Amino acid sequence: MAAKRNMSDRVSQMLYDKPGLDRSLRDMRNSMNEVNKILDKTAKITKKKKKG
């Protein structure tokens, strides 16, 4: 558990040192959210089609 906390601290420090990296990670997270939204929409559409 200590190793895990140490790792997250190191990552946080890296992000603090390099704002560009933080921005790219945030962009990655945002694009993942977009992908998930699209997948949810397509899942709903396919469910509707199956019912019809």
PDB file of N, CA and C in Angstrom:
ATOM      1  N   MET A   1       0.846  -1.201   0.000  1.00  0.00           N
ATOM      2  CA  MET A   1       0.000   0.000   0.000  1.00  0.00           C
ATOM      3  C   MET A   1       0.882   1.251   0.000  1.00  0.00           C
ATOM      4  N   ALA A   2       1.950   1.196   0.798  1.00  0.00           N
ATOM      5  CA  ALA A   2       2.857   2.347   0.865  1.00  0.00           C
ATOM      6  C   ALA A   2       3.467   2.625  -0.507  1.00  0.00           C
ATOM      7  N   ALA A   3       3.785   1.547  -1.223  1.00  0.00           N
ATOM      8  CA  ALA A   3       4.385   1.697  -2.551  1.00  0.00           C
ATOM      9  C   ALA A   3       3.407   2.402  -3.482  1.00  0.00           C
ATOM     10  N   LYS A   4       2.135   2.045  -3.368  1.00  0.00           N
ATOM     11  CA  LYS A   4       1.109   2.653  -4.218  1.00  0.00           C
ATOM     12  C   LYS A   4       1.015   4.148  -3.944  1.00  0.00           C
ATOM     13  N   ARG A   5       0.986   4.511  -2.651  1.00  0.00           N
ATOM     14  CA  ARG A   5       0.896   5.921  -2.279  1.00  0.00           C
ATOM     15  C   ARG A   5       2.131   6.658  -2.786  1.00  0.00           C
ATOM     16  N   ASN A   6       3.305   6.028  -2.636  1.00  0.00           N
ATOM     17  CA  ASN A   6       4.555   6.618  -3.078  1.00  0.00           C
ATOM     18  C   ASN A   6       4.485   6.886  -4.586  1.00  0.00           C
ATOM     19  N   MET A   7       3.958   5.922  -5.328  1.00  0.00           N
ATOM     20  CA  MET A   7       3.852   6.053  -6.780  1.00  0.00           C
ATOM     21  C   MET A   7       2.942   7.221  -7.139  1.00  0.00           C
ATOM     22  N   SER A   8       1.792   7.322  -6.493  1.00  0.00           N
ATOM     23  CA  SER A   8       0.861   8.408  -6.811  1.00  0.00           C
ATOM     24  C   SER A   8       1.470   9.756  -6.437  1.00  0.00           C
ATOM     25  N   ASP A   9       2.237   9.786  -5.338  1.00  0.00           N
ATOM     26  CA  ASP A   9       2.926  11.025  -4.968  1.00  0.00           C
ATOM     27  C   ASP A   9       3.917  11.415  -6.057  1.00  0.00           C
ATOM     28  N   ARG A  10       4.641  10.436  -6.562  1.00  0.00           N
ATOM     29  CA  ARG A  10       5.629  10.697  -7.606  1.00  0.00           C
ATOM     30  C   ARG A  10       4.930  11.223  -8.859  1.00  0.00           C
ATOM     31  N   VAL A  11       3.816  10.604  -9.221  1.00  0.00           N
ATOM     32  CA  VAL A  11       3.062  11.047 -10.397  1.00  0.00           C
ATOM     33  C   VAL A  11       2.567  12.475 -10.184  1.00  0.00           C
ATOM     34  N   SER A  12       2.042  12.755  -8.995  1.00  0.00           N
ATOM     35  CA  SER A  12       1.554  14.101  -8.693  1.00  0.00           C
ATOM     36  C   SER A  12       2.682  15.111  -8.828  1.00  0.00           C
ATOM     37  N   GLN A  13       3.862  14.746  -8.322  1.00  0.00           N
ATOM     38  CA  GLN A  13       5.022  15.631  -8.409  1.00  0.00           C
ATOM     39  C   GLN A  13       5.395  15.867  -9.871  1.00  0.00           C
ATOM     40  N   MET A  14       5.356  14.809 -10.682  1.00  0.00           N
ATOM     41  CA  MET A  14       5.649  14.937 -12.104  1.00  0.00           C
ATOM     42  C   MET A  14       4.666  15.908 -12.753  1.00  0.00           C
ATOM     43  N   LEU A  15       3.387  15.749 -12.421  1.00  0.00           N
ATOM     44  CA  LEU A  15       2.363  16.619 -12.999  1.00  0.00           C
ATOM     45  C   LEU A  15       2.586  18.061 -12.556  1.00  0.00           C
ATOM     46  N   TYR A  16       2.996  18.213 -11.290  1.00  0.00           N
ATOM     47  CA  TYR A  16       3.243  19.553 -10.767  1.00  0.00           C
ATOM     48  C   TYR A  16       4.428  20.190 -11.496  1.00  0.00           C
ATOM     49  N   ASP A  17       5.443  19.378 -11.776  1.00  0.00           N
ATOM     50  CA  ASP A  17       6.636  19.881 -12.456  1.00  0.00           C
ATOM     51  C   ASP A  17       6.377  20.175 -13.926  1.00  0.00           C
ATOM     52  N   LYS A  18       5.503  19.390 -14.549  1.00  0.00           N
ATOM     53  CA  LYS A  18       5.278  19.523 -15.993  1.00  0.00           C
ATOM     54  C   LYS A  18       3.789  19.766 -16.283  1.00  0.00           C
ATOM     55  N   PRO A  19       3.371  21.017 -16.332  1.00  0.00           N
ATOM     56  CA  PRO A  19       1.957  21.313 -16.600  1.00  0.00           C
ATOM     57  C   PRO A  19       1.514  20.766 -17.956  1.00  0.00           C
ATOM     58  N   GLY A  20       2.430  20.699 -18.929  1.00  0.00           N
ATOM     59  CA  GLY A  20       2.076  20.181 -20.252  1.00  0.00           C
ATOM     60  C   GLY A  20       1.624  18.733 -20.169  1.00  0.00           C
ATOM     61  N   LEU A  21       2.316  17.945 -19.327  1.00  0.00           N
ATOM     62  CA  LEU A  21       1.956  16.548 -19.140  1.00  0.00           C
ATOM     63  C   LEU A  21       0.573  16.467 -18.509  1.00  0.00           C
ATOM     64  N   ASP A  22       0.325  17.310 -17.526  1.00  0.00           N
ATOM     65  CA  ASP A  22      -0.979  17.342 -16.871  1.00  0.00           C
ATOM     66  C   ASP A  22      -2.060  17.633 -17.897  1.00  0.00           C
ATOM     67  N   ARG A  23      -1.791  18.589 -18.781  1.00  0.00           N
ATOM     68  CA  ARG A  23      -2.776  18.962 -19.789  1.00  0.00           C
ATOM     69  C   ARG A  23      -3.049  17.781 -20.717  1.00  0.00           C
ATOM     70  N   SER A  24      -1.993  17.088 -21.144  1.00  0.00           N
ATOM     71  CA  SER A  24      -2.191  15.964 -22.059  1.00  0.00           C
ATOM     72  C   SER A  24      -2.969  14.843 -21.369  1.00  0.00           C
ATOM     73  N   LEU A  25      -2.693  14.614 -20.077  1.00  0.00           N
ATOM     74  CA  LEU A  25      -3.438  13.591 -19.342  1.00  0.00           C
ATOM     75  C   LEU A  25      -4.908  13.994 -19.238  1.00  0.00           C
ATOM     76  N   ARG A  26      -5.164  15.275 -18.985  1.00  0.00           N
ATOM     77  CA  ARG A  26      -6.540  15.744 -18.881  1.00  0.00           C
ATOM     78  C   ARG A  26      -7.237  15.577 -20.235  1.00  0.00           C
ATOM     79  N   ASP A  27      -6.514  15.900 -21.313  1.00  0.00           N
ATOM     80  CA  ASP A  27      -7.082  15.723 -22.655  1.00  0.00           C
ATOM     81  C   ASP A  27      -7.414  14.257 -22.901  1.00  0.00           C
ATOM     82  N   MET A  28      -6.498  13.370 -22.490  1.00  0.00           N
ATOM     83  CA  MET A  28      -6.735  11.942 -22.648  1.00  0.00           C
ATOM     84  C   MET A  28      -7.998  11.526 -21.906  1.00  0.00           C
ATOM     85  N   ARG A  29      -8.135  12.014 -20.667  1.00  0.00           N
ATOM     86  CA  ARG A  29      -9.308  11.664 -19.861  1.00  0.00           C
ATOM     87  C   ARG A  29     -10.572  12.189 -20.530  1.00  0.00           C
ATOM     88  N   ASN A  30     -10.500  13.432 -21.048  1.00  0.00           N
ATOM     89  CA  ASN A  30     -11.663  14.009 -21.720  1.00  0.00           C
ATOM     90  C   ASN A  30     -12.039  13.197 -22.952  1.00  0.00           C
ATOM     91  N   SER A  31     -11.057  12.796 -23.743  1.00  0.00           N
ATOM     92  CA  SER A  31     -11.359  12.026 -24.949  1.00  0.00           C
ATOM     93  C   SER A  31     -11.934  10.665 -24.572  1.00  0.00           C
ATOM     94  N   MET A  32     -11.459  10.077 -23.473  1.00  0.00           N
ATOM     95  CA  MET A  32     -12.034   8.820 -23.014  1.00  0.00           C
ATOM     96  C   MET A  32     -13.502   9.017 -22.640  1.00  0.00           C
ATOM     97  N   ASN A  33     -13.802  10.146 -21.975  1.00  0.00           N
ATOM     98  CA  ASN A  33     -15.187  10.443 -21.615  1.00  0.00           C
ATOM     99  C   ASN A  33     -16.041  10.572 -22.872  1.00  0.00           C
ATOM    100  N   GLU A  34     -15.502  11.254 -23.891  1.00  0.00           N
ATOM    101  CA  GLU A  34     -16.232  11.414 -25.151  1.00  0.00           C
ATOM    102  C   GLU A  34     -16.514  10.042 -25.762  1.00  0.00           C
ATOM    103  N   VAL A  35     -15.496   9.181 -25.794  1.00  0.00           N
ATOM    104  CA  VAL A  35     -15.664   7.837 -26.351  1.00  0.00           C
ATOM    105  C   VAL A  35     -16.754   7.090 -25.590  1.00  0.00           C
ATOM    106  N   ASN A  36     -16.733   7.196 -24.262  1.00  0.00           N
ATOM    107  CA  ASN A  36     -17.747   6.514 -23.451  1.00  0.00           C
ATOM    108  C   ASN A  36     -19.140   7.049 -23.752  1.00  0.00           C
ATOM    109  N   LYS A  37     -19.272   8.372 -23.924  1.00  0.00           N
ATOM    110  CA  LYS A  37     -20.577   8.952 -24.263  1.00  0.00           C
ATOM    111  C   LYS A  37     -21.078   8.389 -25.581  1.00  0.00           C
ATOM    112  N   ILE A  38     -20.183   8.336 -26.581  1.00  0.00           N
ATOM    113  CA  ILE A  38     -20.562   7.811 -27.902  1.00  0.00           C
ATOM    114  C   ILE A  38     -20.984   6.356 -27.776  1.00  0.00           C
ATOM    115  N   LEU A  39     -20.216   5.581 -26.993  1.00  0.00           N
ATOM    116  CA  LEU A  39     -20.560   4.169 -26.810  1.00  0.00           C
ATOM    117  C   LEU A  39     -21.920   4.034 -26.139  1.00  0.00           C
ATOM    118  N   ASP A  40     -22.201   4.887 -25.160  1.00  0.00           N
ATOM    119  CA  ASP A  40     -23.506   4.843 -24.494  1.00  0.00           C
ATOM    120  C   ASP A  40     -24.616   5.132 -25.499  1.00  0.00           C
ATOM    121  N   LYS A  41     -24.409   6.153 -26.326  1.00  0.00           N
ATOM    122  CA  LYS A  41     -25.423   6.511 -27.328  1.00  0.00           C
ATOM    123  C   LYS A  41     -25.666   5.352 -28.274  1.00  0.00           C
ATOM    124  N   THR A  42     -24.602   4.760 -28.805  1.00  0.00           N
ATOM    125  CA  THR A  42     -24.770   3.660 -29.757  1.00  0.00           C
ATOM    126  C   THR A  42     -25.423   2.464 -29.069  1.00  0.00           C
ATOM    127  N   ALA A  43     -25.083   2.241 -27.805  1.00  0.00           N
ATOM    128  CA  ALA A  43     -25.699   1.128 -27.072  1.00  0.00           C
ATOM    129  C   ALA A  43     -27.205   1.357 -26.955  1.00  0.00           C
ATOM    130  N   LYS A  44     -27.612   2.581 -26.645  1.00  0.00           N
ATOM    131  CA  LYS A  44     -29.036   2.901 -26.526  1.00  0.00           C
ATOM    132  C   LYS A  44     -29.735   2.707 -27.870  1.00  0.00           C
ATOM    133  N   ILE A  45     -29.071   3.156 -28.945  1.00  0.00           N
ATOM    134  CA  ILE A  45     -29.664   3.029 -30.277  1.00  0.00           C
ATOM    135  C   ILE A  45     -29.855   1.558 -30.624  1.00  0.00           C
ATOM    136  N   THR A  46     -28.839   0.736 -30.375  1.00  0.00           N
ATOM    137  CA  THR A  46     -28.948  -0.683 -30.720  1.00  0.00           C
ATOM    138  C   THR A  46     -30.029  -1.349 -29.867  1.00  0.00           C
ATOM    139  N   LYS A  47     -30.162  -0.949 -28.597  1.00  0.00           N
ATOM    140  CA  LYS A  47     -31.217  -1.510 -27.751  1.00  0.00           C
ATOM    141  C   LYS A  47     -32.591  -1.160 -28.330  1.00  0.00           C
ATOM    142  N   LYS A  48     -32.773   0.097 -28.743  1.00  0.00           N
ATOM    143  CA  LYS A  48     -34.051   0.525 -29.320  1.00  0.00           C
ATOM    144  C   LYS A  48     -34.372  -0.280 -30.579  1.00  0.00           C
ATOM    145  N   LYS A  49     -33.361  -0.472 -31.433  1.00  0.00           N
ATOM    146  CA  LYS A  49     -33.578  -1.226 -32.668  1.00  0.00           C
ATOM    147  C   LYS A  49     -34.008  -2.652 -32.377  1.00  0.00           C
ATOM    148  N   LYS A  50     -33.387  -3.278 -31.369  1.00  0.00           N
ATOM    149  CA  LYS A  50     -33.724  -4.664 -31.035  1.00  0.00           C
ATOM    150  C   LYS A  50     -35.187  -4.766 -30.584  1.00  0.00           C
ATOM    151  N   LYS A  51     -35.652  -3.793 -29.801  1.00  0.00           N
ATOM    152  CA  LYS A  51     -37.027  -3.811 -29.317  1.00  0.00           C
ATOM    153  C   LYS A  51     -38.007  -3.706 -30.483  1.00  0.00           C
ATOM    154  N   GLY A  52     -37.696  -2.834 -31.444  1.00  0.00           N
ATOM    155  CA  GLY A  52     -38.595  -2.607 -32.582  1.00  0.00           C
ATOM    156  C   GLY A  52     -38.681  -3.853 -33.445  1.00  0.00           C
TER     157      GLY A  52
END
